[in-house]
C-alpha atoms as a PDB file:
ATOM      1  CA  MET A   1      87.596  77.241  99.520  1.00  0.00           C
ATOM      2  CA  ALA A   2      84.766  75.681 101.976  1.00  0.00           C
ATOM      3  CA  LYS A   3      80.829  77.420 100.389  1.00  0.00           C
ATOM      4  CA  GLU A   4      80.356  79.782 103.943  1.00  0.00           C
ATOM      5  CA  LEU A   5      76.814  81.258 101.919  1.00  0.00           C
ATOM      6  CA  PRO A   6      73.579  78.045 103.143  1.00  0.00           C
ATOM      7  CA  ILE A   7      72.188  76.957  99.659  1.00  0.00           C
ATOM      8  CA  ALA A   8      68.068  77.834  99.950  1.00  0.00           C
ATOM      9  CA  PRO A   9      68.577  81.696 101.482  1.00  0.00           C
ATOM     10  CA  VAL A  10      70.761  82.063  97.566  1.00  0.00           C
ATOM     11  CA  LYS A  11      68.423  79.834  95.614  1.00  0.00           C
ATOM     12  CA  ARG A  12      65.753  81.730  96.719  1.00  0.00           C
ATOM     13  CA  LEU A  13      66.825  84.666  95.950  1.00  0.00           C
ATOM     14  CA  LEU A  14      68.129  84.092  91.980  1.00  0.00           C
ATOM     15  CA  LYS A  15      64.659  82.338  91.539  1.00  0.00           C
ATOM     16  CA  LYS A  16      63.735  85.597  92.971  1.00  0.00           C
ATOM     17  CA  ALA A  17      66.453  87.563  90.645  1.00  0.00           C
ATOM     18  CA  THR A  18      65.070  85.478  87.133  1.00  0.00           C
ATOM     19  CA  ASN A  19      61.770  86.088  87.869  1.00  0.00           C
ATOM     20  CA  ASP A  20      60.618  81.761  89.068  1.00  0.00           C
ATOM     21  CA  LYS A  21      63.495  80.156  86.581  1.00  0.00           C
ATOM     22  CA  ARG A  22      64.317  77.059  87.895  1.00  0.00           C
ATOM     23  CA  VAL A  23      67.721  76.902  88.700  1.00  0.00           C
ATOM     24  CA  SER A  24      69.993  74.194  88.810  1.00  0.00           C
ATOM     25  CA  ASP A  25      71.872  72.770  92.140  1.00  0.00           C
ATOM     26  CA  ALA A  26      75.135  73.565  89.338  1.00  0.00           C
ATOM     27  CA  ALA A  27      73.439  77.109  89.561  1.00  0.00           C
ATOM     28  CA  VAL A  28      73.575  77.277  92.753  1.00  0.00           C
ATOM     29  CA  ASP A  29      76.779  76.753  93.718  1.00  0.00           C
ATOM     30  CA  ALA A  30      78.758  77.990  91.058  1.00  0.00           C
ATOM     31  CA  PHE A  31      76.724  81.891  92.338  1.00  0.00           C
ATOM     32  CA  ILE A  32      78.108  81.341  95.928  1.00  0.00           C
ATOM     33  CA  GLU A  33      81.323  80.875  95.147  1.00  0.00           C
ATOM     34  CA  TYR A  34      80.666  84.046  92.368  1.00  0.00           C
ATOM     35  CA  ILE A  35      79.569  85.911  96.105  1.00  0.00           C
ATOM     36  CA  GLU A  36      82.137  84.372  97.899  1.00  0.00           C
ATOM     37  CA  LYS A  37      84.721  85.392  96.793  1.00  0.00           C
ATOM     38  CA  PHE A  38      83.050  88.487  95.654  1.00  0.00           C
ATOM     39  CA  ILE A  39      82.438  89.536  99.463  1.00  0.00           C
ATOM     40  CA  MET A  40      86.678  88.021 100.244  1.00  0.00           C
ATOM     41  CA  ASN A  41      87.461  90.756  97.318  1.00  0.00           C
ATOM     42  CA  VAL A  42      85.534  93.530  99.355  1.00  0.00           C
ATOM     43  CA  GLY A  43      87.002  92.785 102.122  1.00  0.00           C
ATOM     44  CA  ASP A  44      90.150  92.821 101.441  1.00  0.00           C
ATOM     45  CA  GLU A  45      90.023  96.155 100.041  1.00  0.00           C
ATOM     46  CA  ILE A  46      87.804  97.493 103.340  1.00  0.00           C
ATOM     47  CA  ASN A  47      90.361  96.009 105.639  1.00  0.00           C
ATOM     48  CA  ASP A  48      93.075  97.977 103.541  1.00  0.00           C
ATOM     49  CA  LEU A  49      90.992 101.267 104.185  1.00  0.00           C
ATOM     50  CA  VAL A  50      90.009 100.197 107.582  1.00  0.00           C
ATOM     51  CA  GLU A  51      93.976  99.844 108.530  1.00  0.00           C
ATOM     52  CA  TYR A  52      94.959 103.326 106.380  1.00  0.00           C
ATOM     53  CA  ASN A  53      93.638 104.515 109.111  1.00  0.00           C
ATOM     54  CA  HIS A  54      94.887 103.152 111.598  1.00  0.00           C
ATOM     55  CA  LYS A  55      91.077 102.095 112.961  1.00  0.00           C
ATOM     56  CA  LYS A  56      90.386  98.367 114.448  1.00  0.00           C
ATOM     57  CA  THR A  57      86.562  98.329 113.874  1.00  0.00           C
ATOM     58  CA  VAL A  58      84.741  98.554 109.907  1.00  0.00           C
ATOM     59  CA  THR A  59      81.328 100.580 109.686  1.00  0.00           C
ATOM     60  CA  LYS A  60      79.294 100.885 107.736  1.00  0.00           C
ATOM     61  CA  ASP A  61      80.174 103.738 106.262  1.00  0.00           C
ATOM     62  CA  ASP A  62      84.130 101.912 105.807  1.00  0.00           C
ATOM     63  CA  ILE A  63      81.565  99.084 103.592  1.00  0.00           C
ATOM     64  CA  ILE A  64      79.861 101.969 101.490  1.00  0.00           C
ATOM     65  CA  PHE A  65      82.892 103.936 100.742  1.00  0.00           C
ATOM     66  CA  VAL A  66      84.622 100.765  98.909  1.00  0.00           C
ATOM     67  CA  MET A  67      81.276  99.611  96.920  1.00  0.00           C
ATOM     68  CA  GLU A  68      80.683 102.942  95.199  1.00  0.00           C
ATOM     69  CA  ARG A  69      84.558 103.603  93.795  1.00  0.00           C
END
């Protein structure tokens, strides 16, 4: 799967989350891959919910509902 998330902002967030530790490029790539898989999995669940409810638009409430179960 091609990486969709930009490297620099993800690296900044990862550094911030680790109290400004150095983060290797390989670590950022692995983290991006994991985040993208997570987003796709959550997206699949959101899609199932929206289709079940016969909706065409994903709302903030749909995302919150899926994330809080």
